[in-house]
C-alpha cells in the first residue's frame, strides 16, 4: 500500500509540475506576442522596431482586442485586452462577444454544404429551384449561365451589392426579402454580369443564400445554423440572431469609430445574417478552424465529410473557396477571412493541413493596421511565415532634393486640421506632429519611411512643385506653406 501511495503521489506531483510548466510557457508566449508587434516596414541596418499591444491600441484608438491562438491542433491560448465598453468600464475577456462581420460568411457556408450533403440542394444547380416567395429575376445575363450556391459562396455569381452598413437601434429592421428588393438601406440585389464569368465580392450573394437556407429548411437561418453548425462545433458563445437578444447584451462589446468614440446605440444591427450577422468570440472561431482541420486530417467524424471540406477548400477564381479565401497550396494551404462591420474589425487565418490558426477581433473601425501588426508578431514568434515586415533599403539624398520637400502639409479630419511639419537637418528629414518629432528614411525617389513603419510619398499634381503628400497610401495631405 505504501508503494502504491508513493506512486500515486509521484504521478500527481508530476502532473501538477507539468501543468505549471505549460502555464509558464503559455504566459511567455502571450508576453512575446503582446510585446512583439511589428510595423509594416523595417529599415535595413536600423534596430528592429517592436511595439507593445496596449500602446498600439491607444495609438490607433481601438479600445478592445481579443486574440485566440490554435497551435498543434488545440486552442493554445485566448486573451482579451482593453475595454468592451468604456462608458460602464466593462473589460474585454475571452468570452466577450464581437460582431464577426464578414467572417460570418465562411461559417454560413458550412450550413449550405450540409444541406448539399443531405441532398436538399445541389450547389451546382440554379438556386431559383429552391427559392419560394422571392426569386432572382431572370435577365439577359442569366439566360445560359445560372446563379448557383457554389457561385454565390465563391463570389462568382455575378450578383450585386458588396456589403452592408447595418441599421441603428432606432431604424426599422427590414426583412430579408426587403433587403433583397432594395427596400432597406442598400440597393436591390440582382445579376448584372454573366454568372461564373468573374470574381466580385458580394455580400448580396450571401443574402440570397440565407433565403435559400430558410426556404429549403422551413426554419429561420439563425435557428438552422445554431442547431446544425454552431452547437455541434462547440461554438456555444455564438449566434446569428439579429438584433442581438437582450440577455446577451451584457456579454457584447460596444462598437467604436475611428476616433475611438462609441457608436450611437452601442452597435449596428444586420438583417443580412449570413453575410454579416454573426456574434462570436475568437475562441469559438478557433473551434471552427479546428473542426475544419480535424475533418481534413481525418482525425474524427465532423459536421461535414472530408469530400465536402476538400471542395470547400478548392481554389476557384481569385483564389477563393466555397466560403473562405485561400492562400498557398498543398501542406501550406491557408483558409482565411477578414471582417468589417461598423465599429468592428477582425481577421481569421488558419492552416488547413496543420493545426495552427490565429483569430483577432477588435471593437474599432481603425483597427486594420493594428491587426496587421498583431499578425506579424504572431507569425514571427511561431515562425508561421504568414505576415512579415517589408524591408526598406535607405538611399542617399542631397540637400537640394530635401529642400523641395520641407514645409507644412495639412489634412482636414472631422473638422479639425492635422498638420505635418517637415524640416531638414544635416542631410536628414524629420516630421513633427502633435508635439512629436521623428526621423524619416529616404528609400528612393520621393518616398520616405519612418522607423515605426509609416510611409510618406511626396508628389506634384500641378507641375510646379511638390504640393501633395500621401501618407500610408491612404491619406492625402495638401501643402499649406
Protein backbone atom coordinates (compact mmCIF):
# COMPACT_ATOMS: atom_id res chain seq x y z
CA UNK A 1 0.00 0.00 0.00
CA UNK A 2 2.86 2.37 0.83
CA UNK A 3 4.44 1.81 -2.60
CA UNK A 4 1.06 2.40 -4.28
CA UNK A 5 0.61 5.64 -2.32
CA UNK A 6 4.09 6.86 -3.26
CA UNK A 7 3.45 6.01 -6.93
CA UNK A 8 0.15 7.90 -6.95
CA UNK A 9 1.76 10.87 -5.22
CA UNK A 10 4.60 10.89 -7.75
CA UNK A 11 2.14 10.92 -10.68
CA UNK A 12 0.08 13.69 -9.05
CA UNK A 13 3.15 15.84 -8.42
CA UNK A 14 4.36 15.26 -11.99
CA UNK A 15 1.01 16.41 -13.41
CA UNK A 16 0.99 19.46 -11.16
CA UNK A 17 4.51 20.48 -12.17
CA UNK A 18 3.79 19.72 -15.85
CA UNK A 19 0.69 21.91 -15.70
CA UNK A 20 2.59 24.73 -14.04
CA UNK A 21 5.35 24.43 -16.61
CA UNK A 22 2.90 24.63 -19.52
CA UNK A 23 1.22 27.67 -17.97
CA UNK A 24 4.61 29.36 -17.74
CA UNK A 25 5.29 28.57 -21.40
CA UNK A 26 1.89 29.94 -22.46
CA UNK A 27 2.39 33.06 -20.36
CA UNK A 28 5.76 33.58 -22.04
CA UNK A 29 4.16 33.13 -25.47
CA UNK A 30 1.44 35.68 -24.75
CA UNK A 31 4.00 38.12 -23.39
CA UNK A 32 6.15 37.73 -26.52
CA UNK A 33 3.20 38.32 -28.85
CA UNK A 34 1.88 41.28 -26.80
CA UNK A 35 5.28 42.99 -26.83
CA UNK A 36 6.42 41.98 -30.31
CA UNK A 37 4.05 43.85 -32.62
CA UNK A 38 5.83 44.63 -35.88
CA UNK A 39 5.33 47.56 -38.29
CA UNK A 40 4.67 47.19 -42.00
CA UNK A 41 8.22 48.31 -42.81
CA UNK A 42 11.62 47.62 -41.27
CA UNK A 43 14.56 49.75 -42.36
CA UNK A 44 17.64 47.77 -43.29
CA UNK A 45 20.53 48.49 -40.94
CA UNK A 46 18.32 50.00 -38.25
CA UNK A 47 17.32 48.30 -34.99
CA UNK A 48 14.19 46.16 -35.32
CA UNK A 49 11.19 48.20 -34.20
CA UNK A 50 8.67 46.38 -31.99
CA UNK A 51 5.62 47.68 -30.18
CA UNK A 52 3.52 46.88 -27.13
CA UNK A 53 -0.11 45.92 -27.78
CA UNK A 54 -1.60 48.30 -25.23
CA UNK A 55 0.41 51.21 -26.62
CA UNK A 56 -0.70 50.46 -30.17
CA UNK A 57 -4.36 50.13 -29.13
CA UNK A 58 -4.12 53.65 -27.75
CA UNK A 59 -2.26 54.84 -30.87
CA UNK A 60 -4.99 53.52 -33.20
CA UNK A 61 -7.96 54.48 -30.96
CA UNK A 62 -9.03 50.85 -30.55
CA UNK A 63 -10.48 50.27 -27.05
CA UNK A 64 -10.66 46.46 -27.11
CA UNK A 65 -8.90 43.47 -28.67
CA UNK A 66 -9.42 39.72 -28.31
CA UNK A 67 -6.97 37.10 -29.61
CA UNK A 68 -7.06 33.30 -29.87
CA UNK A 69 -4.18 31.06 -30.95
CA UNK A 70 -4.57 27.49 -32.20
CA UNK A 71 -1.33 25.52 -32.01
CA UNK A 72 -0.76 21.84 -32.81
CA UNK A 73 -4.46 21.16 -33.15
CA UNK A 74 -5.74 22.69 -29.93
CA UNK A 75 -6.65 26.05 -28.50
CA UNK A 76 -3.30 27.18 -27.15
CA UNK A 77 -4.42 30.43 -25.53
CA UNK A 78 -7.06 33.14 -25.70
CA UNK A 79 -6.90 36.58 -24.14
CA UNK A 80 -8.87 39.80 -24.05
CA UNK A 81 -7.36 43.28 -23.80
CA UNK A 82 -8.77 46.69 -23.02
CA UNK A 83 -12.38 47.80 -22.85
CA UNK A 84 -15.54 46.27 -24.23
CA UNK A 85 -17.42 49.36 -23.08
CA UNK A 86 -15.62 52.50 -21.95
CA UNK A 87 -18.83 54.02 -20.59
CA UNK A 88 -19.52 51.36 -17.96
CA UNK A 89 -15.95 50.08 -17.53
CA UNK A 90 -16.64 46.60 -18.92
CA UNK A 91 -13.37 44.90 -19.87
CA UNK A 92 -12.75 42.51 -22.74
CA UNK A 93 -12.20 38.88 -21.78
CA UNK A 94 -12.06 35.70 -23.83
CA UNK A 95 -15.86 35.35 -23.69
CA UNK A 96 -16.70 38.88 -24.85
CA UNK A 97 -18.91 38.81 -27.95
CA UNK A 98 -17.83 40.71 -31.07
CA UNK A 99 -19.56 41.08 -34.40
CA UNK A 100 -17.74 38.74 -36.78
CA UNK A 101 -18.80 40.91 -39.76
CA UNK A 102 -17.80 39.14 -42.99
CA UNK A 103 -16.28 36.21 -41.10
CA UNK A 104 -19.97 35.30 -40.82
CA UNK A 105 -19.72 34.11 -44.44
CA UNK A 106 -17.37 31.08 -44.19
CA UNK A 107 -19.31 29.81 -41.15
CA UNK A 108 -22.60 30.25 -43.04
CA UNK A 109 -21.13 28.32 -45.96
CA UNK A 110 -20.89 25.23 -43.74
CA UNK A 111 -24.67 25.21 -43.42
CA UNK A 112 -25.11 25.33 -47.19
CA UNK A 113 -22.66 22.45 -47.68
CA UNK A 114 -24.52 20.43 -45.03
CA UNK A 115 -27.78 20.87 -46.96
CA UNK A 116 -25.95 19.67 -50.08
CA UNK A 117 -24.71 16.56 -48.26
CA UNK A 118 -28.25 15.80 -47.13
CA UNK A 119 -29.49 16.04 -50.71
CA UNK A 120 -31.67 19.07 -50.02
CA UNK A 121 -29.89 21.23 -52.57
CA UNK A 122 -27.44 20.80 -55.44
CA UNK A 123 -24.80 23.50 -55.08
CA UNK A 124 -24.24 23.47 -58.87
CA UNK A 125 -27.93 23.91 -59.76
CA UNK A 126 -29.94 27.10 -60.30
CA UNK A 127 -30.80 28.42 -56.82
CA UNK A 128 -34.18 29.59 -58.12
CA UNK A 129 -35.13 25.91 -57.89
CA UNK A 130 -35.01 26.29 -54.10
CA UNK A 131 -36.39 29.80 -53.60
CA UNK A 132 -40.10 30.14 -52.92
CA UNK A 133 -41.65 33.58 -52.23
CA UNK A 134 -38.76 35.50 -53.81
CA UNK A 135 -36.66 34.56 -56.84
CA UNK A 136 -33.70 36.07 -58.64
CA UNK A 137 -35.13 37.98 -61.61
CA UNK A 138 -34.12 36.50 -64.96
CA UNK A 139 -32.35 38.80 -67.41
CA UNK A 140 -30.04 38.63 -70.42
CA UNK A 141 -27.04 37.76 -68.22
CA UNK A 142 -28.62 34.60 -66.80
CA UNK A 143 -30.08 33.09 -69.98
CA UNK A 144 -27.42 30.40 -70.31
CA UNK A 145 -25.45 30.56 -67.05
CA UNK A 146 -27.30 30.35 -63.73
CA UNK A 147 -26.75 31.59 -60.21
CA UNK A 148 -25.75 28.54 -58.17
CA UNK A 149 -24.93 28.05 -54.50
CA UNK A 150 -21.31 27.28 -55.37
CA UNK A 151 -21.04 30.54 -57.29
CA UNK A 152 -22.69 32.52 -54.50
CA UNK A 153 -20.30 31.06 -51.93
CA UNK A 154 -17.25 31.81 -54.08
CA UNK A 155 -18.37 35.32 -55.15
CA UNK A 156 -18.61 34.36 -58.83
CA UNK A 157 -22.41 34.50 -59.31
CA UNK A 158 -22.44 37.94 -60.95
CA UNK A 159 -24.59 39.31 -58.11
CA UNK A 160 -24.61 42.93 -56.92
CA UNK A 161 -24.12 44.66 -53.52
CA UNK A 162 -20.67 44.41 -51.98
CA UNK A 163 -21.55 44.90 -48.30
CA UNK A 164 -23.95 46.35 -45.76
CA UNK A 165 -23.74 49.34 -43.38
CA UNK A 166 -26.14 47.89 -40.80
CA UNK A 167 -29.01 49.63 -39.02
CA UNK A 168 -29.07 51.88 -35.97
CA UNK A 169 -31.06 50.69 -32.97
CA UNK A 170 -33.81 53.19 -33.82
CA UNK A 171 -34.08 52.18 -37.50
CA UNK A 172 -36.80 49.98 -38.91
CA UNK A 173 -35.39 46.46 -39.19
CA UNK A 174 -36.14 45.10 -42.70
CA UNK A 175 -36.86 41.51 -43.60
CA UNK A 176 -34.50 39.54 -45.81
CA UNK A 177 -36.87 39.94 -48.76
CA UNK A 178 -36.94 43.70 -48.22
CA UNK A 179 -33.13 43.72 -48.29
CA UNK A 180 -33.14 41.66 -51.49
CA UNK A 181 -35.64 44.07 -53.06
CA UNK A 182 -33.60 47.13 -52.09
CA UNK A 183 -36.16 48.38 -49.60
CA UNK A 184 -33.61 48.68 -46.78
CA UNK A 185 -30.55 50.95 -46.86
CA UNK A 186 -28.80 49.22 -49.79
CA UNK A 187 -29.71 48.78 -53.49
CA UNK A 188 -31.66 45.76 -54.70
CA UNK A 189 -29.72 42.57 -55.28
CA UNK A 190 -29.72 41.22 -58.82
CA UNK A 191 -27.50 39.70 -61.53
CA UNK A 192 -25.61 42.29 -63.57
CA UNK A 193 -22.98 40.13 -65.28
CA UNK A 194 -22.80 36.56 -66.57
CA UNK A 195 -22.71 34.10 -63.63
CA UNK A 196 -19.36 32.35 -63.45
CA UNK A 197 -17.60 34.89 -65.66
CA UNK A 198 -15.65 36.75 -62.99
CA UNK A 199 -14.93 37.09 -59.27
CA UNK A 200 -16.52 40.01 -57.46
CA UNK A 201 -17.08 40.13 -53.72
CA UNK A 202 -20.80 40.14 -52.95
CA UNK A 203 -22.47 40.20 -49.57
CA UNK A 204 -25.66 40.35 -51.60
CA UNK A 205 -24.96 36.83 -52.83
CA UNK A 206 -24.78 35.52 -49.27
CA UNK A 207 -28.12 37.20 -48.51
CA UNK A 208 -29.65 35.23 -51.37
CA UNK A 209 -28.06 32.12 -49.87
CA UNK A 210 -29.59 32.95 -46.48
CA UNK A 211 -33.04 32.93 -48.12
CA UNK A 212 -32.29 29.60 -49.81
CA UNK A 213 -31.48 28.03 -46.44
CA UNK A 214 -34.72 29.30 -44.92
CA UNK A 215 -36.88 28.20 -47.85
CA UNK A 216 -35.34 24.74 -48.03
CA UNK A 217 -35.40 24.02 -44.30
CA UNK A 218 -38.58 25.86 -43.35
CA UNK A 219 -36.94 27.43 -40.29
CA UNK A 220 -35.09 30.67 -39.64
CA UNK A 221 -31.48 30.92 -40.75
CA UNK A 222 -30.29 31.65 -37.21
CA UNK A 223 -32.07 28.59 -35.78
CA UNK A 224 -30.77 26.30 -38.53
CA UNK A 225 -27.20 27.50 -38.00
CA UNK A 226 -27.42 27.22 -34.22
CA UNK A 227 -28.65 23.62 -34.20
CA UNK A 228 -26.67 22.24 -37.12
CA UNK A 229 -23.38 24.16 -37.17
CA UNK A 230 -22.67 26.30 -34.12
CA UNK A 231 -23.60 23.89 -31.33
CA UNK A 232 -22.14 20.75 -32.97
CA UNK A 233 -18.78 22.51 -33.43
CA UNK A 234 -18.73 23.75 -29.83
CA UNK A 235 -19.40 27.39 -30.76
CA UNK A 236 -21.63 27.84 -27.72
CA UNK A 237 -20.88 31.58 -27.42
CA UNK A 238 -22.03 32.36 -30.94
CA UNK A 239 -25.33 33.37 -32.52
CA UNK A 240 -26.72 34.62 -35.83
CA UNK A 241 -29.68 36.19 -34.02
CA UNK A 242 -30.29 39.75 -35.16
CA UNK A 243 -30.91 42.02 -33.38
CA UNK A 244 -28.85 40.54 -30.56
CA UNK A 245 -31.18 39.17 -27.83
CA UNK A 246 -31.40 41.31 -24.71
CA UNK A 247 -29.99 38.60 -22.44
CA UNK A 248 -26.70 38.65 -24.42
CA UNK A 249 -26.16 42.42 -24.31
CA UNK A 250 -24.08 42.27 -21.12
CA UNK A 251 -21.60 39.92 -22.82
CA UNK A 252 -21.28 42.01 -26.00
CA UNK A 253 -18.69 44.62 -26.86
CA UNK A 254 -19.73 48.07 -27.95
CA UNK A 255 -18.53 49.34 -31.33
CA UNK A 256 -16.18 52.31 -31.82
CA UNK A 257 -15.49 54.68 -34.71
CA UNK A 258 -12.07 55.78 -35.99
CA UNK A 259 -11.76 58.39 -33.28
CA UNK A 260 -12.35 55.80 -30.57
CA UNK A 261 -15.85 57.10 -29.87
CA UNK A 262 -18.68 54.72 -29.08
CA UNK A 263 -21.23 54.28 -31.88
CA UNK A 264 -24.73 55.54 -31.15
CA UNK A 265 -26.82 52.68 -29.77
CA UNK A 266 -23.64 50.68 -28.94
CA UNK A 267 -23.64 48.80 -32.28
CA UNK A 268 -25.48 48.37 -35.57
CA UNK A 269 -27.85 45.51 -36.37
CA UNK A 270 -27.66 43.35 -39.51
CA UNK A 271 -30.65 41.51 -41.04
CA UNK A 272 -28.08 40.20 -43.57
CA UNK A 273 -27.21 37.44 -41.10
CA UNK A 274 -25.27 35.10 -43.41
CA UNK A 275 -23.20 37.97 -44.79
CA UNK A 276 -22.51 39.96 -41.64
CA UNK A 277 -24.71 38.95 -38.69
CA UNK A 278 -22.69 36.52 -36.56
CA UNK A 279 -21.84 37.46 -32.96
CA UNK A 280 -18.98 35.31 -31.67
CA UNK A 281 -15.61 35.14 -29.90
CA UNK A 282 -12.09 34.33 -31.14
CA UNK A 283 -12.22 31.09 -29.11
CA UNK A 284 -15.38 29.99 -30.92
CA UNK A 285 -13.86 30.87 -34.29
CA UNK A 286 -10.84 28.81 -33.22
CA UNK A 287 -13.23 25.87 -32.78
CA UNK A 288 -14.44 26.39 -36.34
CA UNK A 289 -10.81 26.30 -37.52
CA UNK A 290 -10.07 23.13 -35.54
CA UNK A 291 -13.24 21.46 -36.89
CA UNK A 292 -12.09 22.06 -40.48
CA UNK A 293 -8.53 20.97 -39.67
CA UNK A 294 -9.72 17.78 -37.97
CA UNK A 295 -12.02 16.86 -40.86
CA UNK A 296 -9.22 17.36 -43.38
CA UNK A 297 -6.81 15.26 -41.30
CA UNK A 298 -9.41 12.51 -40.88
CA UNK A 299 -8.90 12.54 -37.11
CA UNK A 300 -12.61 12.48 -36.33
CA UNK A 301 -16.12 12.47 -37.78
CA UNK A 302 -17.08 16.08 -38.29
CA UNK A 303 -20.15 18.06 -39.21
CA UNK A 304 -19.22 17.61 -42.89
CA UNK A 305 -17.49 14.90 -44.86
CA UNK A 306 -13.87 15.24 -45.86
CA UNK A 307 -15.00 15.39 -49.50
CA UNK A 308 -17.22 18.42 -48.84
CA UNK A 309 -14.48 20.25 -46.95
CA UNK A 310 -11.97 19.46 -49.70
CA UNK A 311 -14.36 21.02 -52.23
CA UNK A 312 -14.81 23.98 -49.92
CA UNK A 313 -11.03 24.46 -49.85
CA UNK A 314 -10.54 24.10 -53.62
CA UNK A 315 -9.47 27.35 -55.26
CA UNK A 316 -11.98 28.99 -57.58
CA UNK A 317 -11.49 32.35 -59.29
CA UNK A 318 -9.30 34.82 -57.38
CA UNK A 319 -8.10 32.01 -55.07
CA UNK A 320 -11.46 31.86 -53.30
CA UNK A 321 -13.06 28.71 -51.94
CA UNK A 322 -16.68 28.00 -51.03
CA UNK A 323 -16.72 30.47 -48.16
CA UNK A 324 -13.14 31.35 -47.18
CA UNK A 325 -10.36 32.99 -49.13
CA UNK A 326 -7.44 30.64 -49.85
CA UNK A 327 -3.70 31.19 -49.88
CA UNK A 328 -0.73 28.96 -50.76
CA UNK A 329 -1.09 25.28 -51.63
CA UNK A 330 -0.61 21.67 -50.55
CA UNK A 331 0.52 21.24 -46.94
CA UNK A 332 0.82 25.02 -46.58
CA UNK A 333 -2.76 25.77 -47.70
CA UNK A 334 -4.36 28.57 -45.66
CA UNK A 335 -8.05 29.38 -45.35
CA UNK A 336 -8.81 32.88 -44.09
CA UNK A 337 -11.27 35.74 -43.99
CA UNK A 338 -11.43 39.31 -42.76
CA UNK A 339 -14.39 41.10 -41.28
CA UNK A 340 -15.52 44.74 -41.16
CA UNK A 341 -18.80 45.97 -39.67
CA UNK A 342 -19.46 49.42 -38.27
CA UNK A 343 -17.14 49.63 -35.27
CA UNK A 344 -15.73 46.10 -35.56
CA UNK A 345 -12.64 44.89 -37.47
CA UNK A 346 -11.46 41.25 -37.45
CA UNK A 347 -9.18 38.67 -39.04
CA UNK A 348 -9.01 34.86 -39.15
CA UNK A 349 -6.04 32.97 -40.60
CA UNK A 350 -5.79 29.16 -40.38
CA UNK A 351 -3.70 26.40 -41.92
CA UNK A 352 -5.84 23.65 -43.46
CA UNK A 353 -3.30 20.85 -43.09
CA UNK A 354 -1.61 21.98 -39.89
CA UNK A 355 -3.22 22.58 -36.52
CA UNK A 356 -2.34 26.28 -36.40
CA UNK A 357 -4.53 29.39 -36.55
CA UNK A 358 -4.83 32.94 -35.26
CA UNK A 359 -8.02 34.93 -34.78
CA UNK A 360 -8.03 38.63 -33.87
CA UNK A 361 -11.26 40.51 -33.12
CA UNK A 362 -11.46 44.21 -32.27
CA UNK A 363 -14.13 46.79 -31.48
CA UNK A 364 -12.58 49.61 -33.52
CA UNK A 365 -13.09 50.99 -37.03
CA UNK A 366 -9.42 51.98 -37.11
CA UNK A 367 -8.02 48.55 -36.24
CA UNK A 368 -6.87 47.14 -39.59
CA UNK A 369 -3.23 48.22 -39.22
CA UNK A 370 -3.25 47.17 -35.57
CA UNK A 371 -4.45 43.70 -36.57
CA UNK A 372 -1.72 43.52 -39.20
CA UNK A 373 0.88 44.37 -36.56
CA UNK A 374 -0.51 41.62 -34.30
CA UNK A 375 -0.46 39.11 -37.17
CA UNK A 376 3.17 39.96 -37.89
CA UNK A 377 4.01 39.42 -34.21
CA UNK A 378 2.23 36.06 -34.12
CA UNK A 379 3.83 34.99 -37.40
CA UNK A 380 7.29 36.00 -36.20
CA UNK A 381 7.00 34.29 -32.82
CA UNK A 382 5.56 30.99 -34.09
CA UNK A 383 7.56 31.09 -37.33
CA UNK A 384 4.45 30.67 -39.49
CA UNK A 385 5.52 32.95 -42.35
CA UNK A 386 2.03 34.38 -42.83
CA UNK A 387 2.99 38.04 -42.45
CA UNK A 388 6.22 39.96 -42.08
CA UNK A 389 7.53 43.50 -42.49
CA UNK A 390 8.74 44.81 -45.81
CA UNK A 391 12.46 45.57 -45.76
CA UNK A 392 13.24 49.12 -46.89
CA UNK A 393 16.78 49.97 -48.03
CA UNK A 394 17.98 53.55 -47.27
CA UNK A 395 19.03 55.64 -50.29
CA UNK A 396 21.26 58.72 -50.19
CA UNK A 397 19.57 62.05 -50.90
CA UNK A 398 21.03 65.53 -51.45
CA UNK A 399 20.33 68.71 -49.51
CA UNK A 400 18.77 70.25 -52.63
CA UNK A 401 16.38 67.31 -53.03
CA UNK A 402 15.35 67.61 -49.38
CA UNK A 403 14.81 71.34 -49.77
CA UNK A 404 11.89 70.92 -52.17
CA UNK A 405 10.12 68.64 -49.66
CA UNK A 406 10.42 70.63 -46.47
CA UNK A 407 7.40 72.61 -45.35
CA UNK A 408 3.92 72.07 -43.93
CA UNK A 409 1.20 69.74 -45.18
CA UNK A 410 -2.32 69.53 -43.76
CA UNK A 411 -5.42 67.34 -43.86
CA UNK A 412 -8.92 68.10 -42.54
CA UNK A 413 -10.12 65.28 -40.25
CA UNK A 414 -13.56 65.59 -38.64
CA UNK A 415 -13.47 69.39 -38.90
CA UNK A 416 -10.02 69.50 -37.32
CA UNK A 417 -6.78 70.23 -39.17
CA UNK A 418 -3.98 67.67 -38.87
CA UNK A 419 -0.70 69.43 -39.59
CA UNK A 420 2.57 67.68 -40.51
CA UNK A 421 5.72 69.82 -40.44
CA UNK A 422 8.75 68.61 -42.40
CA UNK A 423 12.24 70.03 -41.80
CA UNK A 424 15.74 69.01 -42.85
CA UNK A 425 18.80 68.96 -40.64
CA UNK A 426 22.26 67.71 -41.58
CA UNK A 427 21.00 65.96 -44.71
CA UNK A 428 18.19 64.25 -42.79
CA UNK A 429 14.43 64.76 -42.96
CA UNK A 430 12.23 64.98 -39.87
CA UNK A 431 8.46 65.18 -39.45
CA UNK A 432 6.71 66.79 -36.48
CA UNK A 433 3.06 66.44 -35.46
CA UNK A 434 1.19 66.95 -32.19
CA UNK A 435 4.41 67.84 -30.40
CA UNK A 436 6.23 64.68 -31.53
CA UNK A 437 9.13 64.50 -33.99
CA UNK A 438 10.64 61.54 -35.80
CA UNK A 439 13.26 60.95 -38.46
CA UNK A 440 12.31 59.74 -41.92
CA UNK A 441 14.49 57.46 -44.02
CA UNK A 442 14.73 58.03 -47.78
CA UNK A 443 14.09 54.84 -49.79
CA UNK A 444 14.25 56.24 -53.32
CA UNK A 445 12.50 58.83 -55.47
CA UNK A 446 10.34 60.98 -53.22
CA UNK A 447 9.49 58.14 -50.85
CA UNK A 448 10.37 58.02 -47.17
CA UNK A 449 9.56 55.70 -44.28
CA UNK A 450 9.73 56.10 -40.53
CA UNK A 451 11.28 53.51 -38.25
CA UNK A 452 7.83 52.58 -36.99
CA UNK A 453 6.59 51.78 -40.48
CA UNK A 454 4.76 54.86 -41.75
CA UNK A 455 5.22 55.52 -45.47
CA UNK A 456 5.44 59.06 -46.96
CA UNK A 457 5.20 59.77 -50.68
CA UNK A 458 5.63 63.32 -51.96
CA UNK A 459 4.45 64.38 -55.41
CA UNK A 460 3.16 67.21 -57.56
CA UNK A 461 -0.28 67.39 -59.15
CA UNK A 462 0.21 70.83 -60.71
CA UNK A 463 3.64 70.54 -62.35
CA UNK A 464 5.07 73.47 -60.44
CA UNK A 465 6.42 71.90 -57.27
CA UNK A 466 5.79 69.36 -54.56
CA UNK A 467 2.32 70.07 -53.19
CA UNK A 468 0.88 66.66 -52.23
CA UNK A 469 1.80 64.13 -49.54
CA UNK A 470 0.34 60.63 -49.44
CA UNK A 471 0.62 59.02 -46.01
CA UNK A 472 0.48 55.22 -45.95
CA UNK A 473 -1.15 55.27 -49.42
CA UNK A 474 -4.41 56.31 -47.75
CA UNK A 475 -4.31 59.94 -46.56
CA UNK A 476 -3.79 62.86 -48.94
CA UNK A 477 -2.23 65.98 -47.41
CA UNK A 478 -2.01 69.35 -49.17
CA UNK A 479 0.94 71.73 -48.86
CA UNK A 480 -0.03 74.80 -46.85
CA UNK A 481 3.13 76.98 -46.87
